[in-house]
Amino acid sequence: MPIEYQVKVSTGGDDLVRMKIAGDITFKAFLKNVEEALSLPDDMCVDKCRYFDEDGDRILLKNEKQFKNALQEFTEKQRFKIEVHKSDIISRDQLITKVLTDYREYLEDRSKYHFGYPYNLHYDHEEIFDVMKYSINNLGDPFVESNYGVHSRRFELDVLAFFAEMWQIPEGDYWGYVTSCGTEGNLHSILCAREMQPDGVLYASKDSHYSVFKACKFYRMPYEVVASKPSGEMDYEDFSKCLNQHPGKPAIIVANIGTTVKGAVDSVDTIIKTLEDHGIPEDKRVIHCDGALYALMLPFMEQFEQVNFTKKIHSMCVSGHKFLGCPMPCGVVIARKANIEKVSERVEYLNSVDTTIMGSRNGHAPIFLWYSLQKGGFEELQKKVKLCHANARLLFTMLKDRNIKALLNDRSTTVVLSRPPEAFVKH
């Protein structure tokens, strides 16, 4: 049974009310009890209060941590006194404004110390903020307009056309949609692969994103975790050994175009050659490319092996909120149109086709992606890629000059270093 506390609530004068609380109560629930004890009207609330410590000093209480510390201090006595000032009692509207103001300050502060996640925070979408007033839903297939009239399909189709051109797949040959994140792109692509090769075994390196193996569990697919090289790239000798474990079985391969931690890129050419060496024909294999970050960068690094639809791949996905920058998580998946039929189903009440993982889909994200692409285009993206590539090498050199161990792959903009102290990480 939790400890029960006797609490005296004072508003600064002689007026005093008593109440009981359980020792496991949250601060939010405690304030609610205080409001009821003070018989406050529904449109008023207690924002903060004070308690008297052992020395009689008033200690401010305004968050969960401070409240738990106060309970801990009075565990033995199981009673303490709370004081509520008139200035601590505010209207619900004032509380909403205060909470939002505090949260904006929190966001601004944390954004200054954003570290460890490859997000582009330097973007400006103020010109299109007014679209947030509308309930924009792109439910159904992007290429088949539904009954829901408030959508952003024209922007979504423009975004898809941009990526199709960049990844070199002709108009009419591709299908795709704007996803909620890179994970959804993997979930959709692996679902298509499973439907194309129901008896297939999925192969992905140890450094692959966790969503790849999540998809295998969702779809109950057999899979092999292929060893990775120290760089994070797939170990192709181990890939060959894994293929030997499943002779005659179709193969579904997830090739990484920039692994999550090390930014390693798997060689699609080597993967295809290995499949050919094992006698796995084209109609018995599916290759999906997970390019959450680098699929948007690699096309501008012409000195390196390219990954696009001129090669025998079936799908590719990328995150929209990483290199490009977007205020909400999103992504893009592009696939060969001929491979989508097996996951396509007409839905009468939508007057559209169900081909996506989600039913209702964020109609705002395509507008923000479209805006970023229109403002920059290929030339601006190329400049940003070169800048990020140069900055990563500068940081790597600076760390090396200070005898700090670090790793940086040739095509990567992710510098890997030893984990700093926990206090630094949580700053």
Protein backbone atom coordinates (compact mmCIF):
# COMPACT_ATOMS: atom_id res chain seq x y z
CA MET A 1 0.00 0.00 0.00
CA PRO A 2 1.38 3.49 -0.83
CA ILE A 3 2.09 5.92 2.01
CA GLU A 4 -0.74 8.33 2.79
CA TYR A 5 0.16 11.94 3.55
CA GLN A 6 -1.74 14.48 5.64
CA VAL A 7 -1.55 17.81 3.80
CA LYS A 8 -2.49 21.27 5.05
CA VAL A 9 -3.22 23.74 2.27
CA SER A 10 -3.00 27.43 3.10
CA THR A 11 -3.61 30.47 0.90
CA GLY A 12 -1.34 32.63 3.03
CA GLY A 13 -3.76 33.68 5.73
CA ASP A 14 -5.51 31.85 8.52
CA ASP A 15 -7.68 29.90 6.11
CA LEU A 16 -6.50 26.31 6.09
CA VAL A 17 -7.90 23.16 4.48
CA ARG A 18 -6.79 19.62 5.07
CA MET A 19 -6.57 16.76 2.60
CA LYS A 20 -5.09 13.31 2.22
CA ILE A 21 -2.97 12.12 -0.71
CA ALA A 22 -1.38 8.81 -1.65
CA GLY A 23 2.40 8.67 -1.80
CA ASP A 24 2.36 7.56 -5.44
CA ILE A 25 0.27 10.50 -6.67
CA THR A 26 1.57 12.56 -9.60
CA PHE A 27 2.16 16.30 -9.33
CA LYS A 28 -0.60 17.00 -11.85
CA ALA A 29 -3.11 14.93 -9.84
CA PHE A 30 -1.90 16.57 -6.62
CA LEU A 31 -2.59 20.06 -8.01
CA LYS A 32 -6.03 18.86 -9.05
CA ASN A 33 -6.68 17.75 -5.46
CA VAL A 34 -5.47 21.13 -4.18
CA GLU A 35 -7.88 22.89 -6.55
CA GLU A 36 -10.75 20.78 -5.27
CA ALA A 37 -9.72 21.41 -1.65
CA LEU A 38 -9.76 25.17 -2.31
CA SER A 39 -13.12 24.88 -4.13
CA LEU A 40 -11.79 26.70 -7.19
CA PRO A 41 -14.22 27.25 -10.10
CA ASP A 42 -13.73 25.06 -13.19
CA ASP A 43 -12.11 27.84 -15.22
CA MET A 44 -9.36 28.43 -12.60
CA CYS A 45 -6.41 26.24 -11.65
CA VAL A 46 -3.29 26.09 -9.48
CA ASP A 47 -0.13 26.57 -11.51
CA LYS A 48 2.41 26.05 -8.70
CA CYS A 49 2.67 26.10 -4.91
CA ARG A 50 5.20 26.01 -2.07
CA TYR A 51 5.91 23.68 0.78
CA PHE A 52 7.68 24.31 4.08
CA ASP A 53 10.82 22.26 4.64
CA GLU A 54 12.24 21.09 7.98
CA ASP A 55 13.76 24.55 8.63
CA GLY A 56 10.52 26.35 7.85
CA ASP A 57 11.75 27.71 4.51
CA ARG A 58 9.31 27.91 1.60
CA ILE A 59 10.38 25.69 -1.32
CA LEU A 60 8.80 26.20 -4.75
CA LEU A 61 6.97 23.25 -6.32
CA LYS A 62 6.31 23.49 -10.05
CA ASN A 63 7.22 20.13 -11.59
CA GLU A 64 7.12 16.39 -10.99
CA LYS A 65 10.73 16.07 -9.86
CA GLN A 66 10.45 18.78 -7.20
CA PHE A 67 7.19 17.25 -5.96
CA LYS A 68 8.68 13.76 -5.62
CA ASN A 69 11.63 15.21 -3.71
CA ALA A 70 9.21 16.90 -1.30
CA LEU A 71 7.35 13.63 -0.70
CA GLN A 72 10.65 11.87 -0.10
CA GLU A 73 11.66 14.50 2.46
CA PHE A 74 8.48 13.94 4.45
CA THR A 75 8.28 10.16 4.17
CA GLU A 76 8.70 9.64 7.92
CA LYS A 77 6.32 12.39 9.09
CA GLN A 78 3.81 11.62 6.34
CA ARG A 79 2.51 15.17 6.61
CA PHE A 80 3.51 18.53 5.23
CA LYS A 81 2.11 22.00 4.65
CA ILE A 82 1.43 23.55 1.27
CA GLU A 83 1.03 27.27 0.62
CA VAL A 84 -0.77 28.63 -2.44
CA HIS A 85 -0.39 32.34 -3.28
CA LYS A 86 -3.06 34.25 -5.13
CA SER A 87 -0.59 34.65 -8.00
CA ASP A 88 -0.38 30.84 -8.20
CA ILE A 89 -4.07 30.65 -9.11
CA ILE A 90 -4.59 31.41 -12.79
CA SER A 91 -7.25 30.86 -15.44
CA ARG A 92 -7.18 27.82 -17.74
CA ASP A 93 -6.46 30.11 -20.69
CA GLN A 94 -3.50 31.64 -18.85
CA LEU A 95 -2.22 28.15 -18.08
CA ILE A 96 -2.43 27.11 -21.75
CA THR A 97 -0.51 30.23 -22.79
CA LYS A 98 2.11 29.62 -20.11
CA VAL A 99 2.57 25.95 -21.02
CA LEU A 100 3.03 26.82 -24.71
CA THR A 101 5.44 29.66 -23.91
CA ASP A 102 7.52 27.38 -21.69
CA TYR A 103 7.52 24.72 -24.39
CA ARG A 104 8.71 27.15 -27.08
CA GLU A 105 11.60 28.14 -24.82
CA TYR A 106 12.37 24.45 -24.29
CA LEU A 107 12.37 23.78 -28.05
CA GLU A 108 14.63 26.74 -28.74
CA ASP A 109 17.06 25.66 -26.04
CA ARG A 110 17.19 21.98 -27.06
CA SER A 111 17.60 22.87 -30.74
CA LYS A 112 20.80 24.73 -29.87
CA TYR A 113 22.31 21.48 -28.61
CA HIS A 114 20.91 19.15 -31.26
CA PHE A 115 23.56 16.46 -31.66
CA GLY A 116 23.67 12.84 -32.71
CA TYR A 117 20.74 12.79 -35.15
CA PRO A 118 21.21 13.74 -38.83
CA TYR A 119 18.41 16.32 -39.07
CA ASN A 120 18.59 19.53 -41.04
CA LEU A 121 17.29 22.28 -38.72
CA HIS A 122 18.12 25.14 -41.08
CA TYR A 123 14.90 25.62 -43.00
CA ASP A 124 12.27 28.30 -43.26
CA HIS A 125 8.69 27.37 -44.15
CA GLU A 126 7.02 30.47 -42.73
CA GLU A 127 5.49 31.32 -46.13
CA ILE A 128 3.31 28.18 -46.01
CA PHE A 129 2.42 28.10 -42.31
CA ASP A 130 -1.16 29.11 -43.12
CA VAL A 131 -1.87 25.66 -44.68
CA MET A 132 -1.84 24.27 -41.12
CA LYS A 133 -5.31 25.77 -40.69
CA TYR A 134 -6.76 23.10 -42.96
CA SER A 135 -7.39 19.38 -42.46
CA ILE A 136 -5.45 18.08 -45.45
CA ASN A 137 -5.65 14.32 -45.95
CA ASN A 138 -4.13 12.40 -48.88
CA LEU A 139 -5.93 9.17 -48.07
CA GLY A 140 -5.74 6.53 -50.76
CA ASP A 141 -3.37 6.20 -53.67
CA PRO A 142 -1.52 9.40 -54.70
CA PHE A 143 -2.26 8.71 -58.37
CA VAL A 144 -6.00 8.01 -57.86
CA GLU A 145 -7.96 10.93 -56.44
CA SER A 146 -10.37 9.96 -53.63
CA ASN A 147 -13.71 11.36 -52.45
CA TYR A 148 -11.91 13.50 -49.87
CA GLY A 149 -11.60 16.89 -51.53
CA VAL A 150 -9.12 18.64 -49.19
CA HIS A 151 -5.90 16.99 -50.32
CA SER A 152 -2.44 17.93 -51.62
CA ARG A 153 -1.97 15.33 -54.36
CA ARG A 154 -0.62 17.85 -56.89
CA PHE A 155 2.25 18.61 -54.48
CA GLU A 156 2.79 14.94 -53.65
CA LEU A 157 3.01 14.00 -57.34
CA ASP A 158 5.53 16.79 -57.95
CA VAL A 159 7.66 15.50 -55.05
CA LEU A 160 7.51 11.95 -56.44
CA ALA A 161 8.49 13.20 -59.91
CA PHE A 162 11.52 14.97 -58.42
CA PHE A 163 12.79 11.81 -56.75
CA ALA A 164 11.96 9.64 -59.76
CA GLU A 165 14.12 11.91 -61.93
CA MET A 166 16.93 11.94 -59.38
CA TRP A 167 16.86 8.15 -59.03
CA GLN A 168 16.56 7.70 -62.81
CA ILE A 169 13.31 5.84 -63.31
CA PRO A 170 11.19 6.94 -66.31
CA GLU A 171 7.78 8.55 -66.00
CA GLY A 172 5.11 5.87 -66.25
CA ASP A 173 7.40 3.21 -64.82
CA TYR A 174 7.33 4.36 -61.21
CA TRP A 175 4.90 4.49 -58.33
CA GLY A 176 5.39 5.98 -54.87
CA TYR A 177 4.00 8.12 -52.09
CA VAL A 178 5.00 10.49 -49.31
CA THR A 179 5.30 8.39 -46.14
CA SER A 180 5.19 9.31 -42.46
CA CYS A 181 8.90 8.41 -42.06
CA GLY A 182 11.68 6.20 -43.38
CA THR A 183 10.36 3.25 -41.39
CA GLU A 184 7.08 3.33 -43.31
CA GLY A 185 9.06 3.25 -46.56
CA ASN A 186 10.77 0.08 -45.38
CA LEU A 187 7.51 -1.48 -44.18
CA HIS A 188 5.85 -0.86 -47.55
CA SER A 189 8.79 -2.02 -49.65
CA ILE A 190 9.30 -5.21 -47.64
CA LEU A 191 5.56 -5.95 -47.81
CA CYS A 192 5.71 -5.65 -51.61
CA ALA A 193 8.78 -7.89 -51.64
CA ARG A 194 6.98 -10.49 -49.52
CA GLU A 195 4.00 -10.48 -51.88
CA MET A 196 6.30 -10.80 -54.90
CA GLN A 197 8.30 -13.63 -53.31
CA PRO A 198 6.07 -15.31 -50.66
CA ASP A 199 8.67 -18.02 -50.05
CA GLY A 200 11.61 -15.62 -50.01
CA VAL A 201 14.18 -15.16 -47.25
CA LEU A 202 15.16 -11.61 -46.35
CA TYR A 203 18.85 -10.72 -46.00
CA ALA A 204 20.03 -7.53 -44.31
CA SER A 205 23.25 -6.57 -42.59
CA LYS A 206 23.67 -6.28 -38.84
CA ASP A 207 23.96 -2.49 -39.24
CA SER A 208 20.57 -2.20 -40.96
CA HIS A 209 17.86 -0.05 -39.42
CA TYR A 210 15.77 -1.80 -36.78
CA SER A 211 12.61 -1.25 -38.87
CA VAL A 212 13.85 -3.87 -41.36
CA PHE A 213 13.70 -6.64 -38.77
CA LYS A 214 10.51 -5.18 -37.33
CA ALA A 215 8.94 -5.64 -40.77
CA CYS A 216 10.04 -9.28 -40.80
CA LYS A 217 8.29 -9.83 -37.48
CA PHE A 218 5.16 -8.01 -38.67
CA TYR A 219 4.95 -10.12 -41.82
CA ARG A 220 6.32 -13.32 -40.24
CA MET A 221 9.10 -13.55 -42.78
CA PRO A 222 12.23 -15.68 -42.39
CA TYR A 223 15.37 -13.57 -42.39
CA GLU A 224 19.14 -13.73 -42.04
CA VAL A 225 21.22 -11.09 -40.28
CA VAL A 226 24.35 -10.72 -42.40
CA ALA A 227 27.57 -9.72 -40.67
CA SER A 228 28.93 -6.20 -41.21
CA LYS A 229 32.45 -4.99 -41.83
CA PRO A 230 33.95 -2.63 -39.20
CA SER A 231 32.89 0.23 -41.48
CA GLY A 232 29.24 -0.85 -41.21
CA GLU A 233 29.07 -2.07 -44.83
CA MET A 234 27.66 -5.52 -45.52
CA ASP A 235 30.21 -8.36 -45.34
CA TYR A 236 29.69 -9.95 -48.76
CA GLU A 237 31.51 -13.17 -47.88
CA ASP A 238 29.10 -13.68 -45.00
CA PHE A 239 26.22 -12.76 -47.32
CA SER A 240 27.33 -15.59 -49.60
CA LYS A 241 27.43 -18.00 -46.65
CA CYS A 242 23.91 -16.93 -45.61
CA LEU A 243 22.63 -17.58 -49.14
CA ASN A 244 24.12 -21.09 -48.93
CA GLN A 245 21.89 -21.76 -45.93
CA HIS A 246 18.78 -21.45 -48.11
CA PRO A 247 19.48 -23.16 -51.46
CA GLY A 248 16.76 -22.70 -54.06
CA LYS A 249 14.94 -20.05 -52.01
CA PRO A 250 14.06 -16.64 -53.48
CA ALA A 251 16.10 -13.80 -51.96
CA ILE A 252 14.87 -10.45 -50.64
CA ILE A 253 17.76 -8.09 -49.94
CA VAL A 254 17.74 -4.77 -48.09
CA ALA A 255 20.76 -2.75 -49.24
CA ASN A 256 21.72 0.17 -47.03
CA ILE A 257 22.40 3.50 -48.67
CA GLY A 258 23.94 4.96 -45.54
CA THR A 259 23.55 2.96 -42.31
CA THR A 260 22.00 4.67 -39.29
CA VAL A 261 25.15 5.01 -37.17
CA LYS A 262 28.17 4.76 -39.47
CA GLY A 263 26.72 6.00 -42.75
CA ALA A 264 27.99 2.94 -44.60
CA VAL A 265 26.76 2.21 -48.14
CA ASP A 266 26.28 -1.36 -49.33
CA SER A 267 27.43 -2.08 -52.88
CA VAL A 268 24.38 -2.99 -54.96
CA ASP A 269 26.70 -4.12 -57.76
CA THR A 270 28.43 -6.60 -55.44
CA ILE A 271 25.09 -7.80 -54.05
CA ILE A 272 23.75 -8.48 -57.56
CA LYS A 273 26.96 -10.27 -58.59
CA THR A 274 26.78 -12.44 -55.46
CA LEU A 275 23.17 -13.36 -56.27
CA GLU A 276 24.17 -14.23 -59.83
CA ASP A 277 27.07 -16.33 -58.57
CA HIS A 278 24.56 -18.33 -56.51
CA GLY A 279 22.33 -18.85 -59.53
CA ILE A 280 19.42 -16.80 -58.20
CA PRO A 281 17.63 -15.44 -61.29
CA GLU A 282 16.06 -11.98 -61.55
CA ASP A 283 12.52 -13.31 -61.15
CA LYS A 284 13.49 -14.90 -57.82
CA ARG A 285 15.01 -11.87 -56.12
CA VAL A 286 13.95 -8.46 -54.84
CA ILE A 287 16.31 -5.65 -53.85
CA HIS A 288 15.09 -2.78 -51.70
CA CYS A 289 17.40 0.16 -50.95
CA ASP A 290 17.02 1.85 -47.57
CA GLY A 291 18.41 5.33 -48.17
CA ALA A 292 16.91 7.19 -45.19
CA LEU A 293 19.64 9.87 -45.29
CA TYR A 294 22.05 9.23 -48.17
CA ALA A 295 19.63 8.41 -50.99
CA LEU A 296 19.13 12.16 -51.24
CA MET A 297 22.87 12.88 -51.07
CA LEU A 298 24.61 10.13 -53.03
CA PRO A 299 23.32 11.31 -56.46
CA PHE A 300 25.39 14.48 -55.95
CA MET A 301 28.58 12.54 -55.13
CA GLU A 302 29.43 11.51 -58.67
CA GLN A 303 32.87 10.18 -57.68
CA PHE A 304 31.25 7.21 -55.92
CA GLU A 305 29.30 4.16 -57.08
CA GLN A 306 25.73 5.28 -57.69
CA VAL A 307 22.54 3.51 -56.65
CA ASN A 308 19.46 4.14 -58.78
CA PHE A 309 16.83 2.39 -60.91
CA THR A 310 19.16 1.92 -63.87
CA LYS A 311 20.32 -1.04 -61.78
CA LYS A 312 18.15 -4.06 -61.02
CA ILE A 313 16.61 -2.71 -57.82
CA HIS A 314 12.89 -2.71 -57.02
CA SER A 315 12.35 0.10 -54.53
CA MET A 316 14.09 2.89 -52.64
CA CYS A 317 13.06 5.10 -49.73
CA VAL A 318 14.38 8.23 -48.05
CA SER A 319 13.49 10.41 -45.07
CA GLY A 320 12.24 13.92 -45.78
CA HIS A 321 13.02 15.43 -42.37
CA LYS A 322 16.72 14.54 -42.37
CA PHE A 323 18.90 16.03 -45.10
CA LEU A 324 16.14 18.05 -46.75
CA GLY A 325 14.62 19.34 -43.51
CA CYS A 326 10.95 19.40 -42.54
CA PRO A 327 9.11 20.32 -39.31
CA MET A 328 7.36 16.95 -39.22
CA PRO A 329 8.76 13.43 -39.78
CA CYS A 330 8.09 12.25 -43.32
CA GLY A 331 9.65 10.35 -46.18
CA VAL A 332 9.35 9.21 -49.78
CA VAL A 333 9.22 5.71 -51.24
CA ILE A 334 9.58 5.00 -54.96
CA ALA A 335 8.98 1.57 -56.51
CA ARG A 336 8.62 0.03 -59.93
CA LYS A 337 4.96 0.44 -60.86
CA ALA A 338 4.59 -3.16 -62.05
CA ASN A 339 5.37 -4.46 -58.55
CA ILE A 340 2.51 -2.62 -56.80
CA GLU A 341 -0.38 -4.63 -58.22
CA LYS A 342 -0.05 -7.34 -55.56
CA VAL A 343 -0.68 -4.82 -52.74
CA SER A 344 -3.39 -2.87 -54.56
CA GLU A 345 -7.08 -3.10 -53.70
CA ARG A 346 -10.00 -0.90 -54.69
CA VAL A 347 -11.89 0.69 -51.78
CA GLU A 348 -15.37 1.76 -52.80
CA TYR A 349 -16.13 4.36 -50.13
CA LEU A 350 -12.80 6.11 -50.77
CA ASN A 351 -13.30 6.03 -54.52
CA SER A 352 -9.57 5.32 -54.61
CA VAL A 353 -7.12 2.44 -54.39
CA ASP A 354 -5.58 1.15 -51.17
CA THR A 355 -1.88 0.77 -51.94
CA THR A 356 -0.23 2.49 -48.95
CA ILE A 357 0.55 1.30 -45.42
CA MET A 358 -1.55 4.03 -43.81
CA GLY A 359 -5.12 4.88 -44.79
CA SER A 360 -5.35 8.55 -43.86
CA ARG A 361 -2.07 10.24 -44.80
CA ASN A 362 -0.57 13.57 -43.78
CA GLY A 363 -1.41 16.01 -46.55
CA HIS A 364 0.76 18.78 -45.08
CA ALA A 365 4.09 16.95 -45.41
CA PRO A 366 4.05 16.88 -49.26
CA ILE A 367 3.52 20.65 -49.29
CA PHE A 368 6.52 21.25 -47.02
CA LEU A 369 8.69 18.86 -49.05
CA TRP A 370 7.56 20.46 -52.31
CA TYR A 371 8.34 23.92 -50.96
CA SER A 372 11.88 22.92 -49.93
CA LEU A 373 12.57 21.30 -53.29
CA GLN A 374 11.15 24.25 -55.25
CA LYS A 375 13.17 26.77 -53.25
CA GLY A 376 16.41 24.88 -53.73
CA GLY A 377 16.27 22.47 -56.61
CA PHE A 378 19.13 20.24 -57.73
CA GLU A 379 21.77 22.99 -57.67
CA GLU A 380 21.06 24.04 -54.08
CA LEU A 381 20.98 20.43 -52.91
CA GLN A 382 24.35 19.80 -54.56
CA LYS A 383 25.85 22.78 -52.69
CA LYS A 384 24.49 21.49 -49.38
CA VAL A 385 25.84 18.00 -50.03
CA LYS A 386 29.32 19.37 -50.72
CA LEU A 387 29.14 21.57 -47.61
CA CYS A 388 28.07 18.69 -45.35
CA HIS A 389 30.72 16.41 -46.85
CA ALA A 390 33.42 19.04 -46.24
CA ASN A 391 32.21 19.83 -42.72
CA ALA A 392 32.27 16.15 -41.77
CA ARG A 393 35.88 15.87 -42.93
CA LEU A 394 36.80 19.02 -41.05
CA LEU A 395 35.30 17.68 -37.82
CA PHE A 396 36.99 14.31 -38.32
CA THR A 397 40.37 16.02 -38.79
CA MET A 398 39.86 18.22 -35.72
CA LEU A 399 39.02 15.19 -33.59
CA LYS A 400 41.99 13.26 -34.94
CA ASP A 401 44.33 16.21 -34.21
CA ARG A 402 43.14 16.09 -30.60
CA ASN A 403 43.73 12.32 -30.36
CA ILE A 404 40.02 11.56 -30.18
CA LYS A 405 39.18 8.27 -31.88
CA ALA A 406 36.66 8.71 -34.67
CA LEU A 407 35.38 6.98 -37.82
CA LEU A 408 34.25 8.54 -41.10
CA ASN A 409 33.36 6.52 -44.19
CA ASP A 410 34.28 7.88 -47.64
CA ARG A 411 30.71 8.68 -48.72
CA SER A 412 29.44 9.53 -45.26
CA THR A 413 28.68 12.83 -43.55
CA THR A 414 28.31 11.06 -40.19
CA VAL A 415 31.31 11.24 -37.88
CA VAL A 416 31.31 8.41 -35.33
CA LEU A 417 33.14 8.91 -32.04
CA SER A 418 33.27 7.24 -28.66
CA ARG A 419 30.25 7.90 -26.47
CA PRO A 420 30.77 11.05 -24.38
CA PRO A 421 30.00 11.13 -20.63
CA GLU A 422 26.30 10.76 -19.78
CA ALA A 423 26.13 14.28 -18.36
CA PHE A 424 27.29 15.67 -21.72
CA VAL A 425 24.77 13.53 -23.65
CA LYS A 426 21.85 14.74 -21.50
CA HIS A 427 22.86 18.40 -21.47
